[in-house]
C-alpha atoms as a PDB file:
ATOM      1  CA  MET A   1     -13.449  39.834 -14.583  1.00  0.00           C
ATOM      2  CA  GLN A   2     -12.130  41.820 -11.287  1.00  0.00           C
ATOM      3  CA  SER A   3     -10.744  45.379 -12.229  1.00  0.00           C
ATOM      4  CA  VAL A   4      -7.459  46.059 -10.893  1.00  0.00           C
ATOM      5  CA  VAL A   5      -7.905  49.956  -9.590  1.00  0.00           C
ATOM      6  CA  LEU A   6      -3.579  51.376  -9.755  1.00  0.00           C
ATOM      7  CA  GLY A   7      -4.681  54.492  -8.776  1.00  0.00           C
ATOM      8  CA  ARG A   8      -6.694  53.419  -5.101  1.00  0.00           C
ATOM      9  CA  LEU A   9      -4.921  54.558  -1.959  1.00  0.00           C
ATOM     10  CA  ALA A  10      -4.080  51.042   0.020  1.00  0.00           C
ATOM     11  CA  GLU A  11      -4.187  51.026   3.551  1.00  0.00           C
ATOM     12  CA  ASP A  12      -0.415  50.082   3.937  1.00  0.00           C
ATOM     13  CA  GLN A  13       0.508  52.187   0.898  1.00  0.00           C
ATOM     14  CA  GLY A  14       2.298  55.895   1.007  1.00  0.00           C
ATOM     15  CA  ARG A  15       1.408  58.868  -1.263  1.00  0.00           C
ATOM     16  CA  SER A  16       3.197  58.676  -4.499  1.00  0.00           C
ATOM     17  CA  LEU A  17       5.487  61.043  -5.474  1.00  0.00           C
ATOM     18  CA  VAL A  18       5.810  62.637  -9.100  1.00  0.00           C
ATOM     19  CA  GLN A  19       9.378  64.035 -10.308  1.00  0.00           C
ATOM     20  CA  VAL A  20       9.092  66.704 -13.009  1.00  0.00           C
ATOM     21  CA  GLY A  21      12.589  67.802 -13.764  1.00  0.00           C
ATOM     22  CA  PRO A  22      14.243  68.745 -10.354  1.00  0.00           C
ATOM     23  CA  CYS A  23      10.743  69.476  -8.873  1.00  0.00           C
ATOM     24  CA  THR A  24       9.008  66.848  -6.720  1.00  0.00           C
ATOM     25  CA  ILE A  25       5.249  66.940  -6.627  1.00  0.00           C
ATOM     26  CA  GLY A  26       3.484  65.164  -3.582  1.00  0.00           C
ATOM     27  CA  ALA A  27       6.294  66.175  -1.375  1.00  0.00           C
ATOM     28  CA  HIS A  28       5.911  68.649   1.698  1.00  0.00           C
ATOM     29  CA  ARG A  29       6.754  71.596  -0.504  1.00  0.00           C
ATOM     30  CA  LEU A  30       4.042  72.853  -1.961  1.00  0.00           C
ATOM     31  CA  VAL A  31       4.516  73.015  -5.806  1.00  0.00           C
ATOM     32  CA  LEU A  32       3.710  76.414  -7.859  1.00  0.00           C
ATOM     33  CA  MET A  33       3.006  76.007 -11.332  1.00  0.00           C
ATOM     34  CA  ALA A  34       2.621  79.143 -13.046  1.00  0.00           C
ATOM     35  CA  GLY A  35       2.905  80.983 -16.725  1.00  0.00           C
ATOM     36  CA  PRO A  36       0.385  82.651 -18.982  1.00  0.00           C
ATOM     37  CA  CYS A  37      -2.427  80.690 -20.463  1.00  0.00           C
ATOM     38  CA  ALA A  38      -0.791  80.927 -23.667  1.00  0.00           C
ATOM     39  CA  VAL A  39       2.721  81.484 -24.974  1.00  0.00           C
ATOM     40  CA  GLU A  40       2.537  84.788 -26.900  1.00  0.00           C
ATOM     41  CA  GLY A  41       6.418  85.723 -27.773  1.00  0.00           C
ATOM     42  CA  GLY A  42       9.549  84.768 -26.770  1.00  0.00           C
ATOM     43  CA  ALA A  43      11.290  87.608 -25.234  1.00  0.00           C
ATOM     44  CA  GLU A  44       8.087  88.115 -23.006  1.00  0.00           C
ATOM     45  CA  MET A  45       7.972  84.363 -22.044  1.00  0.00           C
ATOM     46  CA  VAL A  46      11.569  84.537 -20.817  1.00  0.00           C
ATOM     47  CA  SER A  47      11.412  87.409 -18.939  1.00  0.00           C
ATOM     48  CA  LEU A  48       8.263  85.734 -17.034  1.00  0.00           C
ATOM     49  CA  ALA A  49       9.629  82.973 -16.808  1.00  0.00           C
ATOM     50  CA  LEU A  50      12.886  84.708 -15.122  1.00  0.00           C
ATOM     51  CA  ARG A  51      10.401  86.527 -12.214  1.00  0.00           C
ATOM     52  CA  LEU A  52       8.652  83.741 -11.541  1.00  0.00           C
ATOM     53  CA  LYS A  53      11.711  81.394 -10.821  1.00  0.00           C
ATOM     54  CA  GLU A  54      12.557  84.310  -8.484  1.00  0.00           C
ATOM     55  CA  MET A  55       9.259  84.097  -6.753  1.00  0.00           C
ATOM     56  CA  GLY A  56       9.614  80.165  -6.179  1.00  0.00           C
ATOM     57  CA  VAL A  57       7.780  79.087  -8.944  1.00  0.00           C
ATOM     58  CA  GLY A  58       8.752  75.148  -9.634  1.00  0.00           C
ATOM     59  CA  VAL A  59       7.199  74.379 -13.018  1.00  0.00           C
ATOM     60  CA  LEU A  60       6.800  76.911 -15.889  1.00  0.00           C
ATOM     61  CA  ARG A  61       3.209  76.383 -17.582  1.00  0.00           C
ATOM     62  CA  GLY A  62       2.079  77.965 -21.224  1.00  0.00           C
ATOM     63  CA  GLY A  63      -0.267  76.462 -23.895  1.00  0.00           C
ATOM     64  CA  ALA A  64       1.249  75.900 -27.478  1.00  0.00           C
ATOM     65  CA  PHE A  65      -1.907  74.060 -28.860  1.00  0.00           C
ATOM     66  CA  LYS A  66      -4.714  75.645 -27.322  1.00  0.00           C
ATOM     67  CA  PRO A  67      -8.066  74.017 -27.165  1.00  0.00           C
ATOM     68  CA  ARG A  68     -10.781  76.863 -27.484  1.00  0.00           C
ATOM     69  CA  THR A  69     -14.493  76.839 -27.485  1.00  0.00           C
ATOM     70  CA  SER A  70     -14.732  79.071 -31.102  1.00  0.00           C
ATOM     71  CA  PRO A  71     -12.642  78.168 -33.738  1.00  0.00           C
ATOM     72  CA  TYR A  72     -12.314  81.854 -34.262  1.00  0.00           C
ATOM     73  CA  SER A  73     -10.460  82.208 -31.064  1.00  0.00           C
ATOM     74  CA  PHE A  74      -6.678  82.265 -30.781  1.00  0.00           C
ATOM     75  CA  GLN A  75      -5.417  78.542 -31.024  1.00  0.00           C
ATOM     76  CA  GLY A  76      -1.932  78.746 -29.882  1.00  0.00           C
ATOM     77  CA  LEU A  77       1.333  79.043 -31.644  1.00  0.00           C
ATOM     78  CA  GLY A  78       2.013  75.252 -32.029  1.00  0.00           C
ATOM     79  CA  ARG A  79       5.276  74.038 -32.220  1.00  0.00           C
ATOM     80  CA  ASP A  80       7.325  77.286 -32.261  1.00  0.00           C
ATOM     81  CA  GLY A  81       4.979  78.219 -29.131  1.00  0.00           C
ATOM     82  CA  LEU A  82       6.502  74.642 -27.883  1.00  0.00           C
ATOM     83  CA  VAL A  83       9.902  76.223 -28.900  1.00  0.00           C
ATOM     84  CA  MET A  84       9.444  79.575 -27.025  1.00  0.00           C
ATOM     85  CA  LEU A  85       8.320  77.654 -24.088  1.00  0.00           C
ATOM     86  CA  ALA A  86      11.235  75.916 -23.720  1.00  0.00           C
ATOM     87  CA  ARG A  87      13.719  78.414 -24.019  1.00  0.00           C
ATOM     88  CA  ALA A  88      12.011  80.375 -21.447  1.00  0.00           C
ATOM     89  CA  GLY A  89      11.996  76.954 -19.399  1.00  0.00           C
ATOM     90  CA  GLU A  90      15.660  76.619 -19.769  1.00  0.00           C
ATOM     91  CA  ALA A  91      16.943  80.191 -19.341  1.00  0.00           C
ATOM     92  CA  ALA A  92      15.088  80.141 -16.172  1.00  0.00           C
ATOM     93  CA  GLY A  93      16.293  76.554 -14.812  1.00  0.00           C
ATOM     94  CA  LEU A  94      12.209  75.566 -14.794  1.00  0.00           C
ATOM     95  CA  PRO A  95      10.937  72.508 -16.459  1.00  0.00           C
ATOM     96  CA  VAL A  96       8.027  72.889 -18.483  1.00  0.00           C
ATOM     97  CA  VAL A  97       4.077  71.458 -18.855  1.00  0.00           C
ATOM     98  CA  THR A  98       2.253  72.476 -21.503  1.00  0.00           C
ATOM     99  CA  GLU A  99      -1.174  70.344 -23.092  1.00  0.00           C
ATOM    100  CA  VAL A 100      -1.245  67.984 -25.421  1.00  0.00           C
ATOM    101  CA  MET A 101      -4.552  67.621 -27.739  1.00  0.00           C
ATOM    102  CA  ASP A 102      -3.875  65.148 -30.110  1.00  0.00           C
ATOM    103  CA  VAL A 103      -2.058  61.816 -30.140  1.00  0.00           C
ATOM    104  CA  ARG A 104      -0.106  62.912 -33.537  1.00  0.00           C
ATOM    105  CA  ASP A 105       1.514  65.736 -31.690  1.00  0.00           C
ATOM    106  CA  LEU A 106       2.822  63.854 -29.072  1.00  0.00           C
ATOM    107  CA  ASP A 107       6.309  62.700 -29.414  1.00  0.00           C
ATOM    108  CA  LEU A 108       6.802  66.685 -30.698  1.00  0.00           C
ATOM    109  CA  VAL A 109       5.154  67.919 -27.346  1.00  0.00           C
ATOM    110  CA  MET A 110       7.364  65.687 -25.447  1.00  0.00           C
ATOM    111  CA  ARG A 111      10.463  66.698 -27.001  1.00  0.00           C
ATOM    112  CA  TYR A 112      10.206  70.138 -25.513  1.00  0.00           C
ATOM    113  CA  ALA A 113       8.298  69.762 -22.064  1.00  0.00           C
ATOM    114  CA  ALA A 114       9.013  67.761 -18.988  1.00  0.00           C
ATOM    115  CA  MET A 115       5.170  67.297 -18.397  1.00  0.00           C
ATOM    116  CA  ILE A 116       2.415  66.391 -20.057  1.00  0.00           C
ATOM    117  CA  GLN A 117      -1.029  68.316 -20.030  1.00  0.00           C
ATOM    118  CA  VAL A 118      -3.837  66.308 -20.664  1.00  0.00           C
ATOM    119  CA  GLY A 119      -7.082  69.178 -20.553  1.00  0.00           C
ATOM    120  CA  SER A 120     -10.348  68.744 -19.122  1.00  0.00           C
ATOM    121  CA  ARG A 121     -11.548  68.675 -22.740  1.00  0.00           C
ATOM    122  CA  ASN A 122      -9.760  65.781 -23.524  1.00  0.00           C
ATOM    123  CA  MET A 123     -10.439  63.866 -20.004  1.00  0.00           C
ATOM    124  CA  GLN A 124     -12.247  61.463 -21.686  1.00  0.00           C
ATOM    125  CA  ASN A 125     -10.226  61.116 -24.559  1.00  0.00           C
ATOM    126  CA  PHE A 126      -9.523  57.125 -23.945  1.00  0.00           C
ATOM    127  CA  GLY A 127      -7.271  57.007 -27.002  1.00  0.00           C
ATOM    128  CA  LEU A 128      -5.069  59.963 -25.841  1.00  0.00           C
ATOM    129  CA  LEU A 129      -5.175  58.623 -22.345  1.00  0.00           C
ATOM    130  CA  LYS A 130      -3.635  55.468 -23.364  1.00  0.00           C
ATOM    131  CA  GLU A 131      -0.713  56.614 -25.668  1.00  0.00           C
ATOM    132  CA  VAL A 132       0.137  59.098 -22.994  1.00  0.00           C
ATOM    133  CA  GLY A 133       0.348  56.448 -20.708  1.00  0.00           C
ATOM    134  CA  ARG A 134       2.661  54.214 -22.768  1.00  0.00           C
ATOM    135  CA  THR A 135       4.969  57.016 -22.743  1.00  0.00           C
ATOM    136  CA  GLY A 136       6.180  56.919 -19.175  1.00  0.00           C
ATOM    137  CA  HIS A 137       6.241  60.728 -19.481  1.00  0.00           C
ATOM    138  CA  PRO A 138       5.139  62.675 -16.537  1.00  0.00           C
ATOM    139  CA  VAL A 139       1.425  63.667 -17.114  1.00  0.00           C
ATOM    140  CA  LEU A 140      -1.338  66.498 -15.433  1.00  0.00           C
ATOM    141  CA  LEU A 141      -4.406  65.322 -15.823  1.00  0.00           C
ATOM    142  CA  LYS A 142      -7.535  67.790 -15.365  1.00  0.00           C
ATOM    143  CA  ARG A 143     -10.758  66.941 -14.231  1.00  0.00           C
ATOM    144  CA  GLY A 144     -13.777  67.417 -17.100  1.00  0.00           C
ATOM    145  CA  LEU A 145     -16.026  70.081 -17.481  1.00  0.00           C
ATOM    146  CA  SER A 146     -18.385  68.152 -15.965  1.00  0.00           C
ATOM    147  CA  ALA A 147     -16.833  64.684 -14.715  1.00  0.00           C
ATOM    148  CA  THR A 148     -17.624  62.957 -11.526  1.00  0.00           C
ATOM    149  CA  ILE A 149     -14.965  62.447  -9.494  1.00  0.00           C
ATOM    150  CA  GLU A 150     -15.297  58.493 -10.381  1.00  0.00           C
ATOM    151  CA  GLU A 151     -15.063  59.336 -13.918  1.00  0.00           C
ATOM    152  CA  TRP A 152     -12.177  61.587 -13.278  1.00  0.00           C
ATOM    153  CA  LEU A 153     -10.165  58.570 -11.238  1.00  0.00           C
ATOM    154  CA  LEU A 154     -10.975  56.045 -14.093  1.00  0.00           C
ATOM    155  CA  ALA A 155      -9.548  58.598 -16.823  1.00  0.00           C
ATOM    156  CA  ALA A 156      -6.478  58.383 -14.681  1.00  0.00           C
ATOM    157  CA  GLU A 157      -6.850  54.383 -14.687  1.00  0.00           C
ATOM    158  CA  TYR A 158      -6.075  54.516 -18.197  1.00  0.00           C
ATOM    159  CA  ILE A 159      -2.838  56.279 -17.944  1.00  0.00           C
ATOM    160  CA  LEU A 160      -2.049  54.212 -15.100  1.00  0.00           C
ATOM    161  CA  ALA A 161      -3.327  50.586 -16.909  1.00  0.00           C
ATOM    162  CA  GLU A 162      -0.477  51.393 -19.673  1.00  0.00           C
ATOM    163  CA  GLY A 163       2.561  51.362 -17.134  1.00  0.00           C
ATOM    164  CA  ASN A 164       2.661  55.700 -16.415  1.00  0.00           C
ATOM    165  CA  ARG A 165       2.612  55.768 -12.681  1.00  0.00           C
ATOM    166  CA  ARG A 166       3.496  59.237 -13.083  1.00  0.00           C
ATOM    167  CA  VAL A 167       0.211  60.668 -12.874  1.00  0.00           C
ATOM    168  CA  VAL A 168      -0.446  64.294 -11.000  1.00  0.00           C
ATOM    169  CA  LEU A 169      -4.669  65.026 -11.232  1.00  0.00           C
ATOM    170  CA  CYS A 170      -5.870  68.651 -11.322  1.00  0.00           C
ATOM    171  CA  GLU A 171      -8.870  69.614  -9.762  1.00  0.00           C
ATOM    172  CA  ARG A 172      -9.892  73.018 -12.090  1.00  0.00           C
ATOM    173  CA  GLY A 173     -13.616  73.576 -11.517  1.00  0.00           C
ATOM    174  CA  ILE A 174     -16.630  72.043 -13.180  1.00  0.00           C
ATOM    175  CA  ARG A 175     -19.573  73.230 -14.853  1.00  0.00           C
ATOM    176  CA  THR A 176     -22.681  73.828 -12.794  1.00  0.00           C
ATOM    177  CA  PHE A 177     -25.475  76.283 -12.852  1.00  0.00           C
ATOM    178  CA  GLU A 178     -23.540  79.029 -11.309  1.00  0.00           C
ATOM    179  CA  SER A 179     -23.162  82.243 -13.897  1.00  0.00           C
ATOM    180  CA  HIS A 180     -21.005  84.359 -11.832  1.00  0.00           C
ATOM    181  CA  THR A 181     -18.131  82.263 -12.040  1.00  0.00           C
ATOM    182  CA  ARG A 182     -16.711  80.764 -15.029  1.00  0.00           C
ATOM    183  CA  ASN A 183     -16.585  77.470 -13.572  1.00  0.00           C
ATOM    184  CA  THR A 184     -17.362  76.390 -10.018  1.00  0.00           C
ATOM    185  CA  MET A 185     -14.153  75.372  -7.853  1.00  0.00           C
ATOM    186  CA  ASP A 186     -14.841  71.920  -6.297  1.00  0.00           C
ATOM    187  CA  ILE A 187     -12.260  72.288  -2.960  1.00  0.00           C
ATOM    188  CA  ALA A 188     -14.396  69.218  -1.418  1.00  0.00           C
ATOM    189  CA  ALA A 189     -12.996  67.109  -4.337  1.00  0.00           C
ATOM    190  CA  VAL A 190      -9.251  67.961  -3.507  1.00  0.00           C
ATOM    191  CA  ALA A 191      -9.761  66.542   0.130  1.00  0.00           C
ATOM    192  CA  ALA A 192     -11.497  63.594  -1.154  1.00  0.00           C
ATOM    193  CA  VAL A 193      -9.583  62.558  -3.642  1.00  0.00           C
ATOM    194  CA  LYS A 194      -6.620  62.650  -1.292  1.00  0.00           C
ATOM    195  CA  GLY A 195      -8.468  60.063   0.794  1.00  0.00           C
ATOM    196  CA  LEU A 196      -9.355  58.098  -2.449  1.00  0.00           C
ATOM    197  CA  SER A 197      -6.073  57.907  -4.536  1.00  0.00           C
ATOM    198  CA  HIS A 198      -2.442  58.143  -3.882  1.00  0.00           C
ATOM    199  CA  LEU A 199      -1.934  60.005  -6.406  1.00  0.00           C
ATOM    200  CA  PRO A 200      -0.472  63.812  -6.020  1.00  0.00           C
ATOM    201  CA  VAL A 201      -3.573  66.269  -6.319  1.00  0.00           C
ATOM    202  CA  ILE A 202      -2.921  69.996  -7.654  1.00  0.00           C
ATOM    203  CA  ALA A 203      -5.664  72.666  -7.891  1.00  0.00           C
ATOM    204  CA  ASP A 204      -5.858  75.568 -10.519  1.00  0.00           C
ATOM    205  CA  PRO A 205      -7.746  78.566  -8.992  1.00  0.00           C
ATOM    206  CA  SER A 206      -7.454  80.319 -12.245  1.00  0.00           C
ATOM    207  CA  HIS A 207     -10.046  77.970 -14.703  1.00  0.00           C
ATOM    208  CA  GLY A 208     -11.544  77.278 -11.193  1.00  0.00           C
ATOM    209  CA  SER A 209     -13.322  80.757 -11.373  1.00  0.00           C
ATOM    210  CA  GLY A 210     -12.207  82.656 -14.447  1.00  0.00           C
ATOM    211  CA  ARG A 211     -12.011  85.716 -12.556  1.00  0.00           C
ATOM    212  CA  ARG A 212      -8.821  87.401 -11.212  1.00  0.00           C
ATOM    213  CA  GLU A 213      -9.956  88.316  -7.562  1.00  0.00           C
ATOM    214  CA  LEU A 214     -11.132  84.806  -6.865  1.00  0.00           C
ATOM    215  CA  VAL A 215      -7.721  83.266  -7.386  1.00  0.00           C
ATOM    216  CA  ALA A 216      -5.863  84.198  -4.263  1.00  0.00           C
ATOM    217  CA  PRO A 217      -8.560  83.062  -1.955  1.00  0.00           C
ATOM    218  CA  LEU A 218      -9.633  79.601  -3.868  1.00  0.00           C
ATOM    219  CA  ALA A 219      -5.619  78.999  -3.823  1.00  0.00           C
ATOM    220  CA  ARG A 220      -5.507  79.356   0.095  1.00  0.00           C
ATOM    221  CA  ALA A 221      -8.663  77.281   0.061  1.00  0.00           C
ATOM    222  CA  ALA A 222      -6.915  74.157  -2.235  1.00  0.00           C
ATOM    223  CA  VAL A 223      -4.410  74.352   0.033  1.00  0.00           C
ATOM    224  CA  ALA A 224      -5.907  73.964   3.137  1.00  0.00           C
ATOM    225  CA  ALA A 225      -8.076  71.450   1.663  1.00  0.00           C
ATOM    226  CA  GLY A 226      -4.695  69.545   1.290  1.00  0.00           C
ATOM    227  CA  ALA A 227      -3.600  70.229  -2.160  1.00  0.00           C
ATOM    228  CA  ASP A 228      -0.101  69.453  -3.044  1.00  0.00           C
ATOM    229  CA  GLY A 229       0.193  72.399  -5.327  1.00  0.00           C
ATOM    230  CA  LEU A 230      -1.376  75.048  -7.646  1.00  0.00           C
ATOM    231  CA  MET A 231      -1.159  75.517 -11.102  1.00  0.00           C
ATOM    232  CA  ILE A 232      -1.917  79.440 -11.555  1.00  0.00           C
ATOM    233  CA  GLU A 233      -2.324  81.547 -14.706  1.00  0.00           C
ATOM    234  CA  VAL A 234       0.344  84.433 -14.574  1.00  0.00           C
ATOM    235  CA  HIS A 235       1.242  87.194 -17.353  1.00  0.00           C
ATOM    236  CA  ALA A 236       2.412  90.558 -17.517  1.00  0.00           C
ATOM    237  CA  GLU A 237      -0.482  92.326 -18.890  1.00  0.00           C
ATOM    238  CA  PRO A 238      -3.497  90.547 -18.595  1.00  0.00           C
ATOM    239  CA  ALA A 239      -5.617  93.189 -20.076  1.00  0.00           C
ATOM    240  CA  LYS A 240      -3.553  92.708 -23.348  1.00  0.00           C
ATOM    241  CA  ALA A 241      -3.448  88.253 -23.003  1.00  0.00           C
ATOM    242  CA  LEU A 242      -4.528  86.562 -26.380  1.00  0.00           C
ATOM    243  CA  SER A 243      -6.579  84.160 -24.219  1.00  0.00           C
ATOM    244  CA  ASP A 244      -7.854  84.174 -20.301  1.00  0.00           C
ATOM    245  CA  GLY A 245      -6.520  87.463 -19.398  1.00  0.00           C
ATOM    246  CA  GLN A 246      -9.353  88.065 -17.014  1.00  0.00           C
ATOM    247  CA  GLN A 247      -8.513  85.335 -15.162  1.00  0.00           C
ATOM    248  CA  SER A 248      -4.689  85.800 -15.356  1.00  0.00           C
ATOM    249  CA  VAL A 249      -2.835  88.188 -12.231  1.00  0.00           C
ATOM    250  CA  THR A 250       0.103  89.983 -12.609  1.00  0.00           C
ATOM    251  CA  PRO A 251       3.505  88.742 -11.356  1.00  0.00           C
ATOM    252  CA  GLU A 252       2.869  91.756  -8.783  1.00  0.00           C
ATOM    253  CA  GLN A 253      -0.375  90.108  -7.839  1.00  0.00           C
ATOM    254  CA  PHE A 254       1.154  86.667  -7.755  1.00  0.00           C
ATOM    255  CA  ALA A 255       3.757  87.997  -5.332  1.00  0.00           C
ATOM    256  CA  VAL A 256       0.815  89.498  -3.029  1.00  0.00           C
ATOM    257  CA  LEU A 257      -1.120  85.724  -3.629  1.00  0.00           C
ATOM    258  CA  LEU A 258       2.247  84.027  -2.117  1.00  0.00           C
ATOM    259  CA  THR A 259       2.509  86.031   0.538  1.00  0.00           C
ATOM    260  CA  GLY A 260      -0.905  85.227   1.508  1.00  0.00           C
ATOM    261  CA  LEU A 261      -0.408  81.592   0.970  1.00  0.00           C
ATOM    262  CA  ALA A 262       2.334  81.330   3.089  1.00  0.00           C
ATOM    263  CA  PRO A 263       0.302  80.774   6.197  1.00  0.00           C
ATOM    264  CA  VAL A 264      -1.957  78.348   4.996  1.00  0.00           C
ATOM    265  CA  ALA A 265       0.823  76.298   3.936  1.00  0.00           C
ATOM    266  CA  GLY A 266       2.871  76.454   7.123  1.00  0.00           C
ATOM    267  CA  ALA A 267      -0.516  75.419   8.928  1.00  0.00           C
ATOM    268  CA  VAL A 268      -0.616  72.015   7.412  1.00  0.00           C
ATOM    269  CA  GLY A 269       2.626  71.352   6.977  1.00  0.00           C
ATOM    270  CA  ARG A 270       3.745  72.539   3.442  1.00  0.00           C
ATOM    271  CA  SER A 271       6.222  74.818   2.799  1.00  0.00           C
ATOM    272  CA  LEU A 272       6.754  77.524  -0.002  1.00  0.00           C
END
């Protein structure tokens, strides 16, 4: 039986747009998704969300369920974190995106999040992908730690084949022999996938490097390569963050990043 590749870019086909609340991903406006790696407190989350809204962020991110390498690391606040994130998004007028790790939590996450994130560790969790595909909910699919471009696109097919066409791909770096960075950000993959698929593609330079000082240059590179948006970890006090503080920028650093990003976005026909 011949396979049907729903995400393939055909010659006579335009690019897909994915609506997340009032935010359109895949249009001429560069979509910014920002927030802390993990939701840590309600008041802090609201304060940060309001600041990010003023800076032009379109989607608020924050983790309630955290897949960590060590079982002894902070695992997130779970349902309480989802409530805090949703309240912060409502206060700032921003839709929220957060990760779902388990099929059993899917309904709960959808109750609070406008967009479901399938993280890199679950990119080939095919049971989860199928269930997410049956929801019709907007999905952010992150590339796996060691996934090829083909494997990443085929993971998206699992969602598309179940009838959910509201899929956004996210390049977040892959594991290589390099040890200076947490991951190796594959800028070429952004351009390659834009040529292979009609789905929107965003980039996560925070996980793509694991180093705060590299987030801004990688963000500019991703936009120049054609990314439809960026996902960036922002924390009011990165040194006190319960997870990923070393790759998080402060709101002030985020503002500087946006200033440097504007000329690049304009050069490729995008607005911030």
